[in-house]
Protein backbone atom coordinates (compact mmCIF):
# COMPACT_ATOMS: atom_id res chain seq x y z
CA MET A 1 12.17 -28.85 15.98
CA ARG A 2 9.47 -26.71 18.75
CA ARG A 3 8.21 -25.51 15.45
CA GLU A 4 7.64 -29.29 13.97
CA LYS A 5 6.41 -30.13 16.92
CA GLU A 6 4.02 -27.10 17.10
CA ILE A 7 2.82 -28.13 13.65
CA TYR A 8 2.04 -31.54 14.57
CA ARG A 9 0.31 -31.04 17.67
CA VAL A 10 -1.95 -28.15 15.38
CA THR A 11 -2.86 -31.18 12.90
CA LEU A 12 -3.38 -33.54 14.74
CA VAL A 13 -6.11 -31.46 16.37
CA GLY A 14 -7.65 -30.77 13.07
CA SER A 15 -7.43 -34.42 12.11
CA ALA A 16 -9.03 -35.40 14.85
CA GLY A 17 -11.84 -33.33 14.68
CA ASN A 18 -12.13 -34.32 10.63
CA VAL A 19 -12.27 -37.76 11.89
CA ALA A 20 -15.31 -37.48 14.39
CA LEU A 21 -17.00 -35.43 12.09
CA LEU A 22 -16.39 -37.71 8.69
CA THR A 23 -17.58 -40.57 10.69
CA PHE A 24 -20.50 -38.79 11.43
CA LYS A 25 -21.79 -37.43 8.00
CA PHE A 26 -21.22 -40.55 6.38
CA ILE A 27 -24.02 -41.86 9.04
CA ALA A 28 -25.97 -38.93 9.08
CA GLY A 29 -25.77 -38.60 4.66
CA VAL A 30 -26.99 -42.19 4.63
CA LEU A 31 -29.73 -42.58 7.12
CA GLY A 32 -30.58 -38.91 6.02
CA HIS A 33 -30.98 -39.78 2.20
CA SER A 34 -28.69 -36.86 1.71
CA SER A 35 -26.33 -36.69 -1.47
CA ALA A 36 -25.29 -32.85 -0.01
CA MET A 37 -24.46 -34.37 2.90
CA ILE A 38 -22.76 -37.59 1.88
CA ALA A 39 -20.44 -35.55 -0.42
CA ASP A 40 -19.52 -33.45 2.63
CA ALA A 41 -18.40 -36.03 4.27
CA VAL A 42 -16.08 -37.07 1.40
CA HIS A 43 -14.41 -33.08 1.76
CA SER A 44 -14.05 -33.86 5.42
CA LEU A 45 -12.42 -37.60 4.26
CA SER A 46 -9.83 -35.50 1.71
CA ASP A 47 -9.64 -32.66 4.77
CA PHE A 48 -7.78 -36.17 7.06
CA LEU A 49 -6.10 -37.42 3.95
CA THR A 50 -4.40 -33.70 3.75
CA ASP A 51 -3.72 -33.78 7.32
CA LEU A 52 -1.70 -36.88 7.19
CA ILE A 53 0.26 -35.07 4.01
CA VAL A 54 1.19 -32.10 5.90
CA ILE A 55 2.09 -34.06 8.95
CA VAL A 56 4.62 -36.21 6.27
CA PHE A 57 5.70 -33.13 4.64
CA VAL A 58 6.63 -30.98 7.58
CA LYS A 59 8.79 -33.59 9.52
CA ILE A 60 10.92 -33.81 5.78
CA SER A 61 10.93 -29.93 5.25
CA ALA A 62 12.14 -29.64 8.91
CA LYS A 63 15.67 -31.55 7.97
CA PRO A 64 18.36 -29.13 7.62
CA GLN A 65 20.48 -28.64 4.52
CA ASP A 66 22.89 -31.69 3.67
CA ALA A 67 24.94 -32.63 0.14
CA SER A 68 22.41 -33.10 -1.55
CA HIS A 69 20.18 -30.36 -0.42
CA ASP A 70 22.40 -27.18 -0.02
CA TYR A 71 19.34 -24.58 0.51
CA GLY A 72 17.71 -27.18 3.12
CA HIS A 73 14.52 -29.13 2.40
CA GLY A 74 11.76 -26.30 2.29
CA LYS A 75 10.17 -27.15 -0.75
CA PHE A 76 9.23 -30.20 0.49
CA GLU A 77 6.59 -28.08 3.00
CA THR A 78 5.15 -26.09 -0.26
CA PHE A 79 4.83 -29.49 -2.33
CA ALA A 80 2.68 -30.35 0.40
CA SER A 81 0.95 -27.00 -0.55
CA PHE A 82 0.82 -28.43 -4.05
CA ILE A 83 -0.60 -31.66 -3.14
CA ILE A 84 -3.47 -30.41 -0.48
CA GLY A 85 -4.83 -28.15 -3.95
CA LEU A 86 -4.67 -31.54 -6.26
CA ALA A 87 -6.37 -33.76 -3.22
CA LEU A 88 -8.97 -30.55 -3.10
CA ILE A 89 -9.38 -30.40 -6.69
CA ALA A 90 -10.19 -34.22 -6.74
CA ALA A 91 -12.73 -33.95 -3.90
CA ALA A 92 -14.46 -31.30 -5.34
CA THR A 93 -14.67 -32.89 -8.82
CA GLY A 94 -16.29 -36.33 -7.36
CA ILE A 95 -18.62 -33.96 -5.61
CA ILE A 96 -19.62 -31.59 -8.61
CA VAL A 97 -20.17 -35.00 -10.82
CA ALA A 98 -22.20 -36.87 -7.90
CA GLY A 99 -24.62 -34.23 -8.07
CA GLY A 100 -24.63 -33.73 -11.28
CA VAL A 101 -26.10 -37.52 -11.57
CA LYS A 102 -28.77 -36.98 -8.98
CA LEU A 103 -29.84 -33.46 -10.96
CA ALA A 104 -29.80 -35.98 -14.19
CA ASP A 105 -31.53 -38.16 -12.47
CA TRP A 106 -34.61 -35.57 -11.14
CA ALA A 107 -34.83 -33.79 -14.52
CA GLY A 108 -35.54 -37.50 -15.91
CA GLY A 109 -38.31 -37.66 -13.87
CA ALA A 110 -37.09 -39.29 -11.03
CA GLN A 111 -37.96 -38.85 -7.14
CA LEU A 112 -35.33 -37.85 -5.11
CA ALA A 113 -35.49 -39.03 -1.42
CA ALA A 114 -36.18 -36.18 0.79
CA PRO A 115 -33.26 -35.78 2.95
CA GLY A 116 -33.70 -36.11 7.05
CA LYS A 117 -33.11 -33.62 10.07
CA LEU A 118 -30.15 -35.35 11.01
CA ALA A 119 -28.27 -34.70 7.29
CA LEU A 120 -28.89 -30.63 8.70
CA TRP A 121 -28.07 -31.03 12.04
CA ALA A 122 -24.93 -32.90 11.11
CA ALA A 123 -24.08 -30.26 8.42
CA LEU A 124 -24.63 -27.23 11.54
CA LEU A 125 -22.18 -28.76 13.48
CA SER A 126 -20.01 -29.41 11.02
CA ILE A 127 -20.28 -25.37 10.23
CA ALA A 128 -18.94 -24.64 13.75
CA VAL A 129 -16.46 -27.50 14.35
CA LYS A 130 -14.87 -26.73 10.86
CA GLU A 131 -15.13 -22.56 11.26
CA ILE A 132 -13.20 -23.28 14.96
CA LEU A 133 -10.20 -25.33 13.07
CA TYR A 134 -10.03 -22.92 10.53
CA ARG A 135 -9.17 -19.95 12.31
CA TYR A 136 -7.15 -22.04 15.00
CA THR A 137 -4.57 -23.69 12.10
CA ALA A 138 -4.78 -20.47 9.94
CA TYR A 139 -3.53 -18.74 13.04
CA LYS A 140 -0.94 -21.06 14.39
CA GLY A 141 0.15 -21.45 10.34
CA LYS A 142 0.97 -17.58 9.93
CA ARG A 143 2.95 -17.50 13.46
CA LEU A 144 4.59 -20.56 12.62
CA GLN A 145 4.90 -19.08 8.73
CA SER A 146 4.31 -22.75 7.44
CA GLN A 147 2.53 -22.34 3.74
CA ALA A 148 1.31 -26.18 4.30
CA MET A 149 -0.66 -25.19 7.57
CA VAL A 150 -2.09 -22.51 6.10
CA ALA A 151 -2.86 -24.07 3.25
CA ASN A 152 -4.58 -27.09 5.92
CA ALA A 153 -6.48 -24.16 7.42
CA TRP A 154 -8.21 -23.31 3.91
CA HIS A 155 -9.41 -26.92 3.56
CA HIS A 156 -10.89 -26.67 6.97
CA ARG A 157 -12.28 -23.49 5.74
CA SER A 158 -14.29 -24.75 2.81
CA ASP A 159 -15.26 -27.83 4.53
CA ALA A 160 -17.24 -24.73 6.80
CA LEU A 161 -18.11 -23.40 3.35
CA SER A 162 -19.29 -26.63 1.48
CA SER A 163 -21.55 -27.59 4.89
CA ILE A 164 -23.19 -24.03 4.35
CA GLY A 165 -24.48 -25.06 0.85
CA ALA A 166 -25.32 -28.47 2.19
CA ALA A 167 -27.45 -26.90 5.05
CA LEU A 168 -28.91 -24.52 2.50
CA GLY A 169 -29.86 -27.44 0.58
CA ILE A 170 -31.02 -29.63 3.08
CA GLY A 171 -32.43 -27.44 5.08
CA GLY A 172 -34.35 -25.86 1.90
CA ALA A 173 -35.48 -29.79 0.71
CA ILE A 174 -36.78 -30.25 4.13
CA VAL A 175 -38.81 -27.11 4.94
CA LEU A 176 -40.56 -27.09 0.99
CA GLY A 177 -41.06 -30.26 0.69
CA ASP A 178 -40.85 -32.93 -1.79
CA ARG A 179 -40.92 -30.88 -4.93
CA TRP A 180 -37.85 -29.29 -4.22
CA THR A 181 -35.55 -32.45 -2.97
CA VAL A 182 -33.64 -31.52 -6.26
CA LEU A 183 -32.20 -28.64 -3.72
CA ASP A 184 -29.94 -31.53 -1.91
CA PRO A 185 -28.00 -32.36 -5.43
CA LEU A 186 -27.93 -28.60 -6.35
CA ALA A 187 -26.51 -27.67 -2.90
CA SER A 188 -23.73 -30.37 -3.65
CA ILE A 189 -23.10 -28.56 -6.82
CA VAL A 190 -22.57 -25.46 -5.38
CA VAL A 191 -20.03 -26.89 -2.67
CA GLY A 192 -17.81 -28.34 -5.37
CA LEU A 193 -17.43 -25.15 -7.26
CA VAL A 194 -16.73 -23.26 -4.11
CA LEU A 195 -14.08 -26.07 -3.66
CA VAL A 196 -12.70 -25.92 -7.02
CA LYS A 197 -12.21 -22.08 -6.51
CA VAL A 198 -10.10 -22.77 -3.16
CA ALA A 199 -7.90 -25.11 -4.79
CA VAL A 200 -6.98 -23.09 -7.83
CA GLY A 201 -5.98 -20.69 -5.38
CA LEU A 202 -3.86 -22.89 -3.80
CA LEU A 203 -2.40 -23.99 -6.66
CA LYS A 204 -1.62 -20.75 -8.36
CA THR A 205 0.53 -20.30 -5.05
CA SER A 206 2.34 -23.28 -4.82
CA VAL A 207 3.39 -23.70 -8.61
CA GLY A 208 4.39 -20.56 -8.50
CA GLU A 209 6.88 -20.99 -5.34
CA LEU A 210 7.91 -24.46 -6.85
CA THR A 211 8.48 -22.84 -10.76
CA GLU A 212 11.17 -20.30 -8.30
CA SER A 213 8.54 -17.35 -8.91
CA SER A 214 10.21 -13.81 -7.38
CA LEU A 215 8.45 -12.11 -4.30
CA PRO A 216 5.61 -9.70 -4.68
CA GLU A 217 7.09 -6.43 -6.02
CA ASP A 218 6.17 -4.23 -2.96
CA THR A 219 8.76 -6.85 -0.98
CA GLU A 220 11.25 -6.41 -3.47
CA ARG A 221 10.83 -2.67 -3.40
CA GLU A 222 11.25 -2.82 0.58
CA ILE A 223 14.55 -4.88 0.34
CA GLU A 224 15.84 -2.46 -2.02
CA ASP A 225 15.17 0.44 0.39
CA ILE A 226 16.51 -1.58 3.40
CA ILE A 227 20.20 -1.90 1.22
CA LYS A 228 19.77 1.64 0.20
CA ALA A 229 19.32 2.74 3.89
CA GLU A 230 23.19 1.45 4.59
CA GLN A 231 25.38 4.57 4.59
CA GLY A 232 28.08 4.02 2.03
CA VAL A 233 25.87 1.56 -0.32
CA ALA A 234 24.70 2.60 -3.52
CA GLU A 235 22.78 1.37 -6.71
CA PRO A 236 21.51 -2.27 -5.57
CA HIS A 237 20.99 -4.31 -8.91
CA ASN A 238 20.44 -7.86 -9.83
CA LEU A 239 17.85 -8.26 -7.06
CA ARG A 240 16.31 -11.62 -7.18
CA THR A 241 14.20 -12.89 -4.44
CA ARG A 242 11.84 -15.95 -4.30
CA HIS A 243 10.95 -18.57 -1.51
CA ILE A 244 12.56 -21.42 -0.27
CA GLY A 245 9.86 -23.43 2.09
CA ASN A 246 8.67 -21.23 5.33
CA ARG A 247 11.90 -18.68 4.67
CA ILE A 248 12.97 -16.53 1.49
CA ALA A 249 15.94 -16.50 -0.23
CA ILE A 250 17.65 -12.68 -1.45
CA GLU A 251 20.26 -12.52 -3.76
CA ALA A 252 21.54 -8.52 -5.03
CA HIS A 253 24.68 -6.40 -6.37
CA ILE A 254 25.71 -3.46 -4.34
CA ARG A 255 28.09 -0.70 -5.04
CA MET A 256 30.58 0.67 -2.86
CA ASP A 257 33.30 3.19 -3.16
CA GLY A 258 36.35 1.89 -4.69
CA GLY A 259 38.27 2.82 -2.05
CA THR A 260 36.67 1.14 0.61
CA THR A 261 38.79 -1.57 2.44
CA LEU A 262 37.57 -5.34 2.64
CA THR A 263 36.64 -4.72 5.96
CA GLU A 264 34.95 -2.08 5.73
CA ALA A 265 33.03 -3.77 3.01
CA HIS A 266 32.15 -6.78 5.05
CA ASP A 267 30.85 -4.89 7.80
CA HIS A 268 28.33 -2.70 5.44
CA ALA A 269 27.81 -6.29 4.40
CA SER A 270 26.46 -7.79 7.88
CA ALA A 271 25.07 -4.68 8.38
CA ILE A 272 22.34 -5.20 5.54
CA GLU A 273 22.47 -8.53 5.79
CA ARG A 274 21.15 -7.97 10.01
CA ARG A 275 18.65 -5.77 8.83
CA LEU A 276 17.01 -8.42 6.09
CA LYS A 277 16.78 -10.91 8.79
CA GLU A 278 15.08 -8.63 11.31
CA ARG A 279 12.83 -8.42 8.35
CA PHE A 280 12.15 -11.41 6.79
CA GLY A 281 13.38 -13.89 9.79
CA GLU A 282 16.60 -15.57 10.77
CA THR A 283 16.55 -18.13 8.38
CA THR A 284 16.56 -15.90 5.27
CA HIS A 285 19.22 -16.75 2.51
CA ILE A 286 21.02 -13.58 1.83
CA THR A 287 23.99 -13.50 -0.85
CA LEU A 288 25.64 -9.72 -1.50
CA HIS A 289 27.75 -9.62 -4.71
CA MET A 290 29.93 -5.81 -3.85
CA GLU A 291 31.02 -3.83 -6.98
CA PRO A 292 33.26 -0.91 -7.21
CA LEU A 293 31.54 2.82 -7.87
CA LYS A 294 32.45 3.51 -11.46
């Protein structure tokens, strides 16, 4: 419950920042005639919506195991990361399309409105605030082992990156004059492409976990080394691993001397489980199947 409350608190801090920024960005984008800033405001709106997703799904994932979920509800947190990735893709697509329309108008001879200094100040403020929120949320997410929080942190970072692109486009259009107002929609397109890259990374990770992908090879080798370190235990095999939300599951077959008593075998298995939980966390799900040495 303490972990859940901490995640809520961190997410609410990010939500407050997102609401303030998206309001200021929309106003600055409209008054400052900046498509890049309006696109950046849309991104902040998607950040706020993903904050709500994190709050809802983390509450569900914190539920203990029940009759219909023998392994708990941890996958709901991974599902939240997947939804965040989709939201980021949707926001990026909208930004790219809007920037492309502006670019097409410019190529057709239309004179684009020059962005104002208010839009530039909004972009600079957004860079500072969102980078702070990214570092804060990422630190807390790693400490609490929350994939959804880490994904949400990258949403903050992607907003900071989009604001950098917007600031360059807006600043360039202001400094270089009316002939270069096209830099504003160009910046919005670059912002959208950066968001696509971030979203693909988030989706790849969450889809892998939802489809029961194994832990990395180096992690599995470490698990085997921990098992083999137990005296009297040999030949760990049939190792299977996966994520269950913020915890992992480990299943393995191990061999012992055929004359080992049931009590001794149980003690060996308990020692292995203890060391695995010391390394990967107390909530690690461990299943060991013991076989006699041939």
